[in-house]
Amino acid sequence: MDQQITVVVERDGKVRLEVEGIRGSQCLSVTAFLEKEMGKVCERQRTGDFYKSQHVALKNRITSENRAA
């Protein structure tokens, strides 16, 4: 899924950010610059994606300096 931030300006002037495609708490760091510019955060609603962990694949390479020729 693509990552997307939607900014919604409601009739009463409140601004809402909707984040899609980002799992875990990473969405907080992704939207931090917008929250800083917009001012005080009045409310934060976490979706199910917030509680899912990021899938990180790590690949280790084992090397040996004493390889037999």
C-alpha atoms as a PDB file:
ATOM      1  CA  MET A   1       0.000   0.000   0.000  1.00  0.00           C
ATOM      2  CA  ASP A   2       1.222   3.485  -0.799  1.00  0.00           C
ATOM      3  CA  GLN A   3       1.863   5.931   1.992  1.00  0.00           C
ATOM      4  CA  GLN A   4      -0.493   8.891   2.060  1.00  0.00           C
ATOM      5  CA  ILE A   5      -1.239  11.843   4.325  1.00  0.00           C
ATOM      6  CA  THR A   6      -4.601  13.519   3.761  1.00  0.00           C
ATOM      7  CA  VAL A   7      -5.202  16.999   5.210  1.00  0.00           C
ATOM      8  CA  VAL A   8      -8.871  17.743   5.842  1.00  0.00           C
ATOM      9  CA  VAL A   9     -10.060  21.260   6.740  1.00  0.00           C
ATOM     10  CA  GLU A  10     -13.471  21.053   8.375  1.00  0.00           C
ATOM     11  CA  ARG A  11     -16.188  23.728   8.226  1.00  0.00           C
ATOM     12  CA  ASP A  12     -15.384  24.915  11.751  1.00  0.00           C
ATOM     13  CA  GLY A  13     -11.738  25.507  10.747  1.00  0.00           C
ATOM     14  CA  LYS A  14     -10.287  22.484  12.499  1.00  0.00           C
ATOM     15  CA  VAL A  15      -7.682  20.568  10.544  1.00  0.00           C
ATOM     16  CA  ARG A  16      -7.519  16.775  10.557  1.00  0.00           C
ATOM     17  CA  LEU A  17      -4.669  14.594   9.318  1.00  0.00           C
ATOM     18  CA  GLU A  18      -5.384  11.095   8.068  1.00  0.00           C
ATOM     19  CA  VAL A  19      -2.414   8.789   7.556  1.00  0.00           C
ATOM     20  CA  GLU A  20      -2.619   5.640   5.446  1.00  0.00           C
ATOM     21  CA  GLY A  21      -0.046   2.995   4.604  1.00  0.00           C
ATOM     22  CA  ILE A  22       2.201   3.559   7.611  1.00  0.00           C
ATOM     23  CA  ARG A  23       2.233   1.064  10.465  1.00  0.00           C
ATOM     24  CA  GLY A  24       3.240   1.565  14.065  1.00  0.00           C
ATOM     25  CA  SER A  25       4.286   4.794  15.685  1.00  0.00           C
ATOM     26  CA  GLN A  26       6.173   5.897  12.562  1.00  0.00           C
ATOM     27  CA  CYS A  27       3.066   7.866  11.565  1.00  0.00           C
ATOM     28  CA  LEU A  28       3.752  10.264  14.455  1.00  0.00           C
ATOM     29  CA  SER A  29       7.186  11.155  13.156  1.00  0.00           C
ATOM     30  CA  VAL A  30       5.902  11.423   9.577  1.00  0.00           C
ATOM     31  CA  THR A  31       3.250  13.989  10.547  1.00  0.00           C
ATOM     32  CA  ALA A  32       5.335  15.863  13.153  1.00  0.00           C
ATOM     33  CA  PHE A  33       6.322  18.669  10.758  1.00  0.00           C
ATOM     34  CA  LEU A  34       2.667  19.321   9.862  1.00  0.00           C
ATOM     35  CA  GLU A  35       1.548  19.262  13.492  1.00  0.00           C
ATOM     36  CA  LYS A  36       4.275  21.759  14.375  1.00  0.00           C
ATOM     37  CA  GLU A  37       3.125  24.164  11.668  1.00  0.00           C
ATOM     38  CA  MET A  38      -0.589  23.793  12.450  1.00  0.00           C
ATOM     39  CA  GLY A  39      -0.310  24.391  16.180  1.00  0.00           C
ATOM     40  CA  LYS A  40      -1.776  22.574  19.161  1.00  0.00           C
ATOM     41  CA  VAL A  41      -2.973  18.990  18.707  1.00  0.00           C
ATOM     42  CA  CYS A  42      -6.425  18.815  20.296  1.00  0.00           C
ATOM     43  CA  GLU A  43      -7.093  15.138  19.793  1.00  0.00           C
ATOM     44  CA  ARG A  44      -5.314  12.077  18.446  1.00  0.00           C
ATOM     45  CA  GLN A  45      -7.137   8.946  17.279  1.00  0.00           C
ATOM     46  CA  ARG A  46      -5.029   5.898  16.608  1.00  0.00           C
ATOM     47  CA  THR A  47      -6.189   3.393  14.019  1.00  0.00           C
ATOM     48  CA  GLY A  48      -5.534  -0.328  13.951  1.00  0.00           C
ATOM     49  CA  ASP A  49      -2.438   0.282  11.808  1.00  0.00           C
ATOM     50  CA  PHE A  50      -0.844   2.179  14.697  1.00  0.00           C
ATOM     51  CA  TYR A  51      -0.835  -0.992  16.777  1.00  0.00           C
ATOM     52  CA  LYS A  52       0.654  -3.145  14.014  1.00  0.00           C
ATOM     53  CA  SER A  53       4.401  -3.439  13.931  1.00  0.00           C
ATOM     54  CA  GLN A  54       6.558  -2.413  11.028  1.00  0.00           C
ATOM     55  CA  HIS A  55       7.959  -5.333   9.093  1.00  0.00           C
ATOM     56  CA  VAL A  56      11.686  -4.893   8.907  1.00  0.00           C
ATOM     57  CA  ALA A  57      13.791  -7.418   7.066  1.00  0.00           C
ATOM     58  CA  LEU A  58      17.395  -7.670   8.142  1.00  0.00           C
ATOM     59  CA  LYS A  59      19.960  -9.715   6.327  1.00  0.00           C
ATOM     60  CA  ASN A  60      23.190 -10.604   8.049  1.00  0.00           C
ATOM     61  CA  ARG A  61      26.301 -11.561   6.195  1.00  0.00           C
ATOM     62  CA  ILE A  62      28.810 -13.612   8.118  1.00  0.00           C
ATOM     63  CA  THR A  63      32.316 -13.211   6.912  1.00  0.00           C
ATOM     64  CA  SER A  64      35.466 -14.836   8.096  1.00  0.00           C
ATOM     65  CA  GLU A  65      38.926 -13.432   7.700  1.00  0.00           C
ATOM     66  CA  ASN A  66      40.435 -16.902   8.067  1.00  0.00           C
ATOM     67  CA  ARG A  67      38.788 -18.646   5.130  1.00  0.00           C
ATOM     68  CA  ALA A  68      40.498 -21.754   3.859  1.00  0.00           C
ATOM     69  CA  ALA A  69      41.794 -21.415   0.310  1.00  0.00           C
END
